[in-house]
Amino acid sequence: MNIFLKYFIAWFPMLILAILNGTLREFVFKKHFGELVAHQLSTVTLLILFAGCIGLMVKMFPPESSSQAIWLGLFWMVLTLIFEFGFGRLRGNSWEKLLQDYYIWKGRIWVLVPIALAIGPYLFYRLFKN
């Protein structure tokens, strides 16, 4: 099987985790903590979930090299951003609304998720290689 097809399929569990995490944020975290704290808490829980998933995927389907691990992380990051912004636009959200989660100066820390996706496979590759 083509390596990128394999990693494309391996990305779907992360998509499911992200959707479930977003549901938890909307129906539990927001009710108890308010919008900003719910966003922050949800980001942290998703980072933890993604770390476990990325570690498992890299262990099950190890990249052949550090450069392949870097490309894998960038691939998963781009897939996630395409889904996030594409789905958001399909739902009628403006670009301004979609970009609000990236406003670190307003306490929005979502930018850590694409960063983690970009570097996670490389970090786990290095961890498991040694």
Protein backbone atom coordinates (compact mmCIF):
# COMPACT_ATOMS: atom_id res chain seq x y z
CA MET A 1 0.00 0.00 0.00
CA ASN A 2 1.21 3.51 -0.81
CA ILE A 3 2.70 5.09 2.32
CA PHE A 4 0.62 8.26 2.08
CA LEU A 5 -2.58 6.29 1.55
CA LYS A 6 -1.74 4.33 4.70
CA TYR A 7 -1.11 7.55 6.64
CA PHE A 8 -4.23 9.15 5.16
CA ILE A 9 -6.29 6.26 6.54
CA ALA A 10 -4.40 6.51 9.85
CA TRP A 11 -5.49 10.17 10.12
CA PHE A 12 -9.20 9.26 10.42
CA PRO A 13 -9.04 8.09 14.05
CA MET A 14 -7.67 11.54 14.91
CA LEU A 15 -10.55 13.13 13.04
CA ILE A 16 -13.01 11.07 15.07
CA LEU A 17 -11.21 12.00 18.31
CA ALA A 18 -11.38 15.68 17.35
CA ILE A 19 -15.12 15.49 16.64
CA LEU A 20 -15.78 13.69 19.94
CA ASN A 21 -13.59 16.20 21.78
CA GLY A 22 -15.50 19.09 20.17
CA THR A 23 -18.76 17.51 21.27
CA LEU A 24 -17.44 17.24 24.83
CA ARG A 25 -16.41 20.91 24.69
CA GLU A 26 -19.81 22.06 23.45
CA PHE A 27 -22.02 20.01 25.75
CA VAL A 28 -19.94 19.65 28.94
CA PHE A 29 -17.00 22.05 29.20
CA LYS A 30 -18.89 25.17 28.05
CA LYS A 31 -21.73 24.54 30.46
CA HIS A 32 -19.39 24.32 33.45
CA PHE A 33 -16.49 26.61 32.55
CA GLY A 34 -17.60 29.17 29.97
CA GLU A 35 -16.46 29.57 26.39
CA LEU A 36 -12.79 30.54 26.73
CA VAL A 37 -11.86 28.02 29.43
CA ALA A 38 -13.83 25.35 27.55
CA HIS A 39 -11.77 26.15 24.44
CA GLN A 40 -8.51 25.94 26.38
CA LEU A 41 -9.46 22.75 28.21
CA SER A 42 -10.64 21.17 24.97
CA THR A 43 -7.39 22.08 23.26
CA VAL A 44 -5.36 20.46 26.03
CA THR A 45 -7.49 17.29 26.03
CA LEU A 46 -7.19 17.05 22.25
CA LEU A 47 -3.41 17.45 22.45
CA ILE A 48 -3.29 14.56 24.92
CA LEU A 49 -5.57 12.41 22.76
CA PHE A 50 -3.58 13.24 19.63
CA ALA A 51 -0.28 12.45 21.37
CA GLY A 52 -1.56 8.97 22.22
CA CYS A 53 -2.93 8.44 18.74
CA ILE A 54 0.18 9.75 16.97
CA GLY A 55 2.41 7.61 19.19
CA LEU A 56 0.31 4.54 18.40
CA MET A 57 0.28 5.24 14.64
CA VAL A 58 4.04 5.84 14.53
CA LYS A 59 4.58 2.63 16.51
CA MET A 60 2.24 0.60 14.26
CA PHE A 61 3.35 2.19 10.95
CA PRO A 62 6.84 3.54 11.59
CA PRO A 63 8.19 6.10 9.14
CA GLU A 64 11.25 4.91 7.27
CA SER A 65 13.26 8.04 8.05
CA SER A 66 13.18 11.27 10.00
CA SER A 67 12.35 13.19 6.83
CA GLN A 68 9.39 10.88 6.18
CA ALA A 69 8.22 11.50 9.77
CA ILE A 70 8.42 15.26 9.16
CA TRP A 71 6.45 14.93 5.91
CA LEU A 72 3.89 12.78 7.71
CA GLY A 73 3.38 15.46 10.35
CA LEU A 74 2.97 18.16 7.73
CA PHE A 75 0.57 15.91 5.81
CA TRP A 76 -1.62 15.35 8.89
CA MET A 77 -1.50 19.05 9.73
CA VAL A 78 -2.61 20.05 6.22
CA LEU A 79 -5.41 17.44 6.21
CA THR A 80 -6.63 18.76 9.55
CA LEU A 81 -6.56 22.39 8.44
CA ILE A 82 -8.36 21.56 5.20
CA PHE A 83 -11.04 19.72 7.16
CA GLU A 84 -11.32 22.42 9.83
CA PHE A 85 -11.60 25.36 7.47
CA GLY A 86 -13.48 23.50 4.74
CA PHE A 87 -16.11 22.15 7.14
CA GLY A 88 -16.31 25.50 8.89
CA ARG A 89 -16.92 27.33 5.63
CA LEU A 90 -19.53 24.75 4.57
CA ARG A 91 -21.34 25.47 7.84
CA GLY A 92 -21.42 29.14 6.86
CA ASN A 93 -18.75 30.45 9.22
CA SER A 94 -16.81 33.51 8.14
CA TRP A 95 -13.03 33.49 7.84
CA GLU A 96 -12.93 35.87 10.80
CA LYS A 97 -14.86 33.41 12.97
CA LEU A 98 -12.72 30.48 11.83
CA LEU A 99 -9.48 32.33 12.58
CA GLN A 100 -10.56 33.41 16.10
CA ASP A 101 -9.30 30.15 17.61
CA TYR A 102 -5.77 31.16 16.54
CA TYR A 103 -5.76 34.48 18.44
CA ILE A 104 -3.21 33.61 21.12
CA TRP A 105 -3.29 37.19 22.43
CA LYS A 106 -6.96 36.55 23.37
CA GLY A 107 -6.20 33.31 25.20
CA ARG A 108 -7.05 31.07 22.25
CA ILE A 109 -4.49 28.26 22.07
CA TRP A 110 -5.85 26.13 19.23
CA VAL A 111 -2.71 26.86 17.18
CA LEU A 112 -0.97 24.27 19.38
CA VAL A 113 -3.00 21.51 17.69
CA PRO A 114 -1.66 21.97 14.14
CA ILE A 115 1.82 22.50 15.58
CA ALA A 116 1.54 19.22 17.52
CA LEU A 117 0.33 17.42 14.42
CA ALA A 118 3.24 18.82 12.42
CA ILE A 119 5.96 17.81 14.87
CA GLY A 120 4.38 14.84 16.66
CA PRO A 121 5.31 12.09 14.19
CA TYR A 122 8.93 13.25 14.12
CA LEU A 123 9.13 13.39 17.93
CA PHE A 124 7.65 9.90 18.31
CA TYR A 125 9.84 8.59 15.48
CA ARG A 126 12.91 9.83 17.38
CA LEU A 127 11.59 8.49 20.69
CA PHE A 128 10.91 5.01 19.32
CA LYS A 129 14.06 4.88 17.21
CA ASN A 130 16.34 5.18 20.25
